[in-house]
């Protein structure tokens, strides 16, 4: 039952975060990048506050906890959201997808540096590498332009920021005694305040109101930000940073399928093969660890 819940959380997160690229594309038809990120965070914070009210969960009162939440808000929300928005102005979506999918590898690098790494099974490590290979096959970055550019570096920095944030949250904010709704709500409130400070950088451009982008921002803020980050903390508490970051490998699969279903994009054989490889790599990361074999002592 525990593994079933974990897989459901991973699938739900992949759907919410994987579809976010679709909603962002629609929302940018109405908002500037700074406006879009701020609206997303404010809606996410409002959603989580409502969930806290329904669950009777109180926001943290410990100053030290708020300090940890401020670090998480900066590295998991404010900074990477803006970096990806900046990067996507000059980098093809394929390059962005590949760089975003390096997050699990950044987690592997950050974990030992922060003293949180545990011995990883060979199957899980192989699954991470196979999953990255599948991502490369899906997007074929060698066919795209902009691989070596400031935009690509911004996207890579955003992925590294995600990797650090997953490990940091797993170490300081994944206590099972804390409500995931309260933790996420506090983080979103702080990230929203940080984005207010960025409003002078393109936050006051004219807004052209349109129904489609408004609905896209609503889904992005409520689902892909509010509910998604509550699920993220539940996954961190039960499985750890590596398992939570593996969701990043499934995001391109979701985005590719949505593009085929709603945007009429073609699914080439190379893309389908890459999706199968990604799913196989994720399956390897979910293999249970072998229990140590105790020696059998013969009676004399």
Protein backbone atom coordinates (compact mmCIF):
# COMPACT_ATOMS: atom_id res chain seq x y z
CA UNK A 1 0.00 0.00 0.00
CA UNK A 2 2.88 2.38 0.82
CA UNK A 3 4.48 1.84 -2.60
CA UNK A 4 1.11 2.37 -4.30
CA UNK A 5 0.69 5.74 -2.56
CA UNK A 6 4.21 6.71 -3.56
CA UNK A 7 3.60 5.86 -7.21
CA UNK A 8 0.31 7.78 -7.18
CA UNK A 9 2.06 10.82 -5.73
CA UNK A 10 4.84 10.57 -8.32
CA UNK A 11 2.27 10.26 -11.12
CA UNK A 12 0.21 13.19 -9.85
CA UNK A 13 3.29 15.38 -9.47
CA UNK A 14 4.48 14.45 -12.97
CA UNK A 15 1.08 15.42 -14.39
CA UNK A 16 0.93 18.73 -12.52
CA UNK A 17 4.52 19.81 -13.10
CA UNK A 18 4.72 18.29 -16.60
CA UNK A 19 1.68 20.27 -17.72
CA UNK A 20 3.06 23.49 -16.25
CA UNK A 21 5.09 24.17 -19.42
CA UNK A 22 1.82 24.06 -21.37
CA UNK A 23 0.09 26.52 -18.99
CA UNK A 24 3.11 28.82 -18.89
CA UNK A 25 3.14 29.03 -22.69
CA UNK A 26 -0.51 30.09 -22.67
CA UNK A 27 -0.07 32.48 -19.75
CA UNK A 28 2.81 34.35 -21.37
CA UNK A 29 0.32 35.54 -23.98
CA UNK A 30 -1.06 37.84 -21.29
CA UNK A 31 1.64 38.32 -18.64
CA UNK A 32 5.33 39.13 -18.60
CA UNK A 33 7.57 36.44 -17.03
CA UNK A 34 7.79 38.28 -13.70
CA UNK A 35 4.03 38.85 -13.60
CA UNK A 36 3.36 35.21 -14.47
CA UNK A 37 5.66 33.86 -11.75
CA UNK A 38 4.21 36.22 -9.13
CA UNK A 39 0.63 35.29 -10.05
CA UNK A 40 1.54 31.61 -9.92
CA UNK A 41 3.06 31.91 -6.46
CA UNK A 42 0.24 34.04 -5.03
CA UNK A 43 -2.40 31.60 -6.29
CA UNK A 44 -0.38 28.68 -4.96
CA UNK A 45 -0.07 30.34 -1.54
CA UNK A 46 -3.81 31.10 -1.44
CA UNK A 47 -4.64 27.48 -2.33
CA UNK A 48 -2.37 26.13 0.39
CA UNK A 49 -3.78 28.53 2.99
CA UNK A 50 -7.27 27.24 2.19
CA UNK A 51 -6.02 23.66 2.57
CA UNK A 52 -4.44 24.61 5.92
CA UNK A 53 -7.79 26.00 7.02
CA UNK A 54 -9.62 22.84 6.00
CA UNK A 55 -7.02 20.60 7.64
CA UNK A 56 -6.77 22.86 10.73
CA UNK A 57 -3.03 23.08 10.15
CA UNK A 58 -1.22 26.09 11.57
CA UNK A 59 1.70 27.84 9.95
CA UNK A 60 5.05 27.24 11.66
CA UNK A 61 5.85 29.48 14.61
CA UNK A 62 9.51 28.63 15.06
CA UNK A 63 11.86 31.32 13.70
CA UNK A 64 14.40 28.71 12.70
CA UNK A 65 11.76 26.92 10.62
CA UNK A 66 10.90 30.17 8.84
CA UNK A 67 14.58 30.59 8.08
CA UNK A 68 14.66 27.16 6.43
CA UNK A 69 11.47 28.01 4.53
CA UNK A 70 13.06 31.22 3.23
CA UNK A 71 16.01 29.23 1.82
CA UNK A 72 13.62 26.72 0.20
CA UNK A 73 11.41 29.51 -1.19
CA UNK A 74 14.40 31.17 -2.84
CA UNK A 75 16.04 28.06 -4.33
CA UNK A 76 12.90 26.05 -5.20
CA UNK A 77 10.59 28.85 -6.31
CA UNK A 78 11.72 32.43 -6.79
CA UNK A 79 15.16 31.86 -8.32
CA UNK A 80 14.55 28.84 -10.64
CA UNK A 81 11.14 30.09 -11.84
CA UNK A 82 12.75 33.35 -12.96
CA UNK A 83 15.82 31.65 -14.41
CA UNK A 84 13.70 29.36 -16.57
CA UNK A 85 11.57 32.32 -17.69
CA UNK A 86 14.75 34.18 -18.70
CA UNK A 87 16.30 31.11 -20.33
CA UNK A 88 13.28 30.26 -22.44
CA UNK A 89 13.47 33.62 -24.19
CA UNK A 90 16.65 32.52 -26.01
CA UNK A 91 16.74 28.71 -25.74
CA UNK A 92 14.70 26.11 -27.62
CA UNK A 93 12.20 24.13 -25.56
CA UNK A 94 14.15 20.93 -26.25
CA UNK A 95 17.28 22.32 -24.62
CA UNK A 96 15.22 23.59 -21.69
CA UNK A 97 13.65 20.16 -21.19
CA UNK A 98 17.03 18.39 -21.16
CA UNK A 99 18.58 20.87 -18.73
CA UNK A 100 15.56 20.71 -16.42
CA UNK A 101 15.82 16.92 -16.38
CA UNK A 102 19.33 17.05 -14.93
CA UNK A 103 17.78 17.84 -11.52
CA UNK A 104 18.11 14.26 -10.16
CA UNK A 105 21.81 14.30 -11.01
CA UNK A 106 22.26 17.61 -9.17
CA UNK A 107 20.56 15.97 -6.19
CA UNK A 108 23.18 13.21 -6.25
CA UNK A 109 25.90 15.88 -6.21
CA UNK A 110 24.31 18.04 -3.51
CA UNK A 111 23.41 15.22 -1.11
CA UNK A 112 26.97 14.26 -0.05
CA UNK A 113 28.01 17.92 0.11
CA UNK A 114 25.21 18.53 2.62
CA UNK A 115 25.87 15.32 4.54
CA UNK A 116 22.56 13.69 3.70
CA UNK A 117 23.62 11.01 1.22
CA UNK A 118 23.02 7.36 1.94
CA UNK A 119 24.39 4.41 0.05
CA UNK A 120 22.60 4.14 -3.28
CA UNK A 121 21.88 0.82 -4.94
CA UNK A 122 23.37 0.11 -8.33
CA UNK A 123 19.90 -0.32 -9.81
CA UNK A 124 18.78 3.12 -8.66
CA UNK A 125 21.93 4.81 -9.98
CA UNK A 126 21.57 2.96 -13.30
CA UNK A 127 17.93 4.04 -13.45
CA UNK A 128 18.93 7.70 -13.08
CA UNK A 129 21.46 7.44 -15.92
CA UNK A 130 19.06 5.50 -18.16
CA UNK A 131 16.34 8.06 -17.49
CA UNK A 132 18.67 10.88 -18.52
CA UNK A 133 19.52 8.95 -21.69
CA UNK A 134 15.83 8.70 -22.51
CA UNK A 135 15.42 12.46 -22.03
CA UNK A 136 18.29 13.10 -24.44
CA UNK A 137 16.66 10.79 -26.99
CA UNK A 138 13.30 12.55 -26.67
CA UNK A 139 14.60 16.08 -27.19
CA UNK A 140 17.70 15.38 -29.36
CA UNK A 141 19.51 18.54 -28.23
CA UNK A 142 22.18 17.96 -30.88
CA UNK A 143 19.55 19.01 -33.44
CA UNK A 144 18.69 22.26 -31.65
CA UNK A 145 20.44 25.60 -31.42
CA UNK A 146 21.39 27.55 -28.34
CA UNK A 147 23.09 24.77 -26.40
CA UNK A 148 25.98 27.09 -25.51
CA UNK A 149 24.34 30.38 -24.55
CA UNK A 150 23.51 32.51 -21.55
CA UNK A 151 19.94 31.21 -21.71
CA UNK A 152 21.13 27.61 -21.49
CA UNK A 153 23.35 28.49 -18.54
CA UNK A 154 20.35 30.11 -16.82
CA UNK A 155 18.30 26.92 -17.30
CA UNK A 156 21.17 24.77 -16.04
CA UNK A 157 21.51 27.01 -12.98
CA UNK A 158 17.76 26.64 -12.38
CA UNK A 159 18.05 22.83 -12.48
CA UNK A 160 20.99 22.98 -10.05
CA UNK A 161 18.90 25.21 -7.79
CA UNK A 162 16.12 22.60 -7.83
CA UNK A 163 18.64 19.89 -6.94
CA UNK A 164 19.93 21.84 -3.95
CA UNK A 165 16.37 22.66 -2.87
CA UNK A 166 15.25 19.01 -2.90
CA UNK A 167 18.15 18.00 -0.65
CA UNK A 168 17.71 21.00 1.64
CA UNK A 169 13.97 20.39 2.01
CA UNK A 170 14.57 16.71 2.62
CA UNK A 171 17.03 17.53 5.40
CA UNK A 172 15.28 20.40 7.17
CA UNK A 173 11.62 20.46 6.11
CA UNK A 174 10.47 16.87 5.61
CA UNK A 175 9.68 16.13 9.28
CA UNK A 176 6.58 13.93 9.27
CA UNK A 177 5.23 15.83 12.30
CA UNK A 178 4.87 18.97 10.17
CA UNK A 179 1.83 19.48 7.97
CA UNK A 180 2.86 19.47 4.29
CA UNK A 181 0.15 22.07 3.66
CA UNK A 182 1.49 24.45 6.32
CA UNK A 183 5.09 23.95 5.22
CA UNK A 184 4.22 24.57 1.57
CA UNK A 185 2.02 27.57 2.40
CA UNK A 186 4.79 29.25 4.36
CA UNK A 187 7.23 28.62 1.54
CA UNK A 188 4.88 30.07 -1.09
CA UNK A 189 4.17 33.16 1.01
CA UNK A 190 7.88 33.89 1.33
CA UNK A 191 8.51 33.24 -2.39
CA UNK A 192 5.65 35.61 -3.30
CA UNK A 193 7.27 38.33 -1.20
CA UNK A 194 10.58 37.74 -2.98
CA UNK A 195 8.91 38.12 -6.38
CA UNK A 196 7.37 41.42 -5.34
CA UNK A 197 10.93 42.73 -5.08
CA UNK A 198 11.47 41.71 -8.74
CA UNK A 199 8.48 43.69 -10.05
CA UNK A 200 10.64 46.61 -11.28
CA UNK A 201 12.26 44.15 -13.74
CA UNK A 202 9.33 43.83 -16.14
CA UNK A 203 6.53 43.52 -13.60
CA UNK A 204 4.72 46.71 -14.57
CA UNK A 205 4.23 46.07 -18.29
CA UNK A 206 0.65 46.43 -19.62
CA UNK A 207 -1.56 43.35 -19.25
CA UNK A 208 -3.89 42.36 -22.09
CA UNK A 209 -6.75 40.47 -20.44
CA UNK A 210 -7.80 37.26 -22.19
CA UNK A 211 -9.86 34.30 -21.00
CA UNK A 212 -7.46 31.54 -22.11
CA UNK A 213 -4.34 32.88 -20.37
CA UNK A 214 -6.35 33.67 -17.24
CA UNK A 215 -7.56 30.06 -17.01
CA UNK A 216 -4.02 28.83 -17.69
CA UNK A 217 -2.62 30.90 -14.81
CA UNK A 218 -5.40 29.66 -12.54
CA UNK A 219 -4.57 26.02 -13.26
CA UNK A 220 -0.84 26.73 -13.00
CA UNK A 221 -1.18 28.42 -9.62
CA UNK A 222 -3.77 26.18 -7.97
CA UNK A 223 -2.74 22.79 -9.36
CA UNK A 224 0.87 22.92 -10.55
CA UNK A 225 1.98 25.06 -7.61
CA UNK A 226 -0.41 24.76 -4.65
CA UNK A 227 -1.42 21.11 -4.64
CA UNK A 228 1.84 20.03 -6.29
CA UNK A 229 4.13 21.38 -3.58
CA UNK A 230 2.00 19.84 -0.84
CA UNK A 231 2.44 16.49 -2.61
CA UNK A 232 6.14 17.22 -2.97
CA UNK A 233 6.58 17.48 0.80
CA UNK A 234 4.60 14.29 1.35
CA UNK A 235 6.90 12.51 -1.09
CA UNK A 236 10.02 13.98 0.54
CA UNK A 237 8.88 12.80 3.97
CA UNK A 238 8.17 9.24 2.81
CA UNK A 239 10.85 8.63 0.15
CA UNK A 240 13.60 11.23 0.34
CA UNK A 241 15.12 13.78 -2.05
CA UNK A 242 16.28 11.39 -4.79
CA UNK A 243 12.86 9.78 -5.21
CA UNK A 244 11.15 13.17 -5.23
CA UNK A 245 13.54 14.53 -7.85
CA UNK A 246 12.98 11.52 -10.14
CA UNK A 247 9.64 13.13 -11.00
CA UNK A 248 11.71 15.46 -13.19
CA UNK A 249 12.35 12.61 -15.62
CA UNK A 250 8.62 12.13 -16.14
CA UNK A 251 7.86 15.78 -16.89
CA UNK A 252 8.96 15.62 -20.56
CA UNK A 253 6.84 12.50 -21.07
CA UNK A 254 3.77 14.39 -19.85
CA UNK A 255 4.58 17.53 -21.85
CA UNK A 256 5.17 15.52 -25.05
CA UNK A 257 1.88 13.66 -24.64
CA UNK A 258 -0.01 16.90 -23.98
CA UNK A 259 1.56 18.46 -27.07
CA UNK A 260 0.44 15.50 -29.17
CA UNK A 261 -3.10 15.51 -27.76
CA UNK A 262 -3.86 19.25 -27.69
CA UNK A 263 -1.33 20.97 -29.97
CA UNK A 264 -1.27 18.45 -32.81
CA UNK A 265 2.46 17.77 -32.42
CA UNK A 266 3.70 14.55 -34.04
CA UNK A 267 5.11 11.65 -32.04
CA UNK A 268 8.15 10.34 -33.88
CA UNK A 269 9.54 6.87 -33.29
CA UNK A 270 12.62 8.39 -31.60
CA UNK A 271 10.38 10.25 -29.12
CA UNK A 272 8.34 7.14 -28.34
CA UNK A 273 11.52 5.12 -27.79
CA UNK A 274 12.85 7.83 -25.48
CA UNK A 275 9.64 7.79 -23.45
CA UNK A 276 9.87 4.01 -23.03
CA UNK A 277 13.50 4.33 -21.89
CA UNK A 278 12.55 7.06 -19.39
CA UNK A 279 9.80 4.91 -17.90
CA UNK A 280 12.21 1.97 -17.68
CA UNK A 281 14.79 4.12 -15.88
CA UNK A 282 12.20 5.38 -13.39
CA UNK A 283 11.06 1.79 -12.81
CA UNK A 284 14.64 0.85 -11.91
CA UNK A 285 14.78 3.60 -9.30
CA UNK A 286 11.71 2.08 -7.64
CA UNK A 287 13.18 -1.41 -7.19
CA UNK A 288 13.24 -2.29 -3.48
CA UNK A 289 16.61 -2.64 -1.81
CA UNK A 290 17.71 -6.17 -1.05
CA UNK A 291 17.68 -7.03 2.60
CA UNK A 292 21.03 -8.25 3.94
CA UNK A 293 21.29 -12.03 4.08
CA UNK A 294 22.00 -13.29 7.56
CA UNK A 295 24.28 -16.31 7.81
CA UNK A 296 22.65 -19.55 8.84
CA UNK A 297 24.38 -21.23 11.76
CA UNK A 298 24.19 -24.99 11.82
CA UNK A 299 23.51 -26.69 15.09
CA UNK A 300 26.21 -29.05 16.28
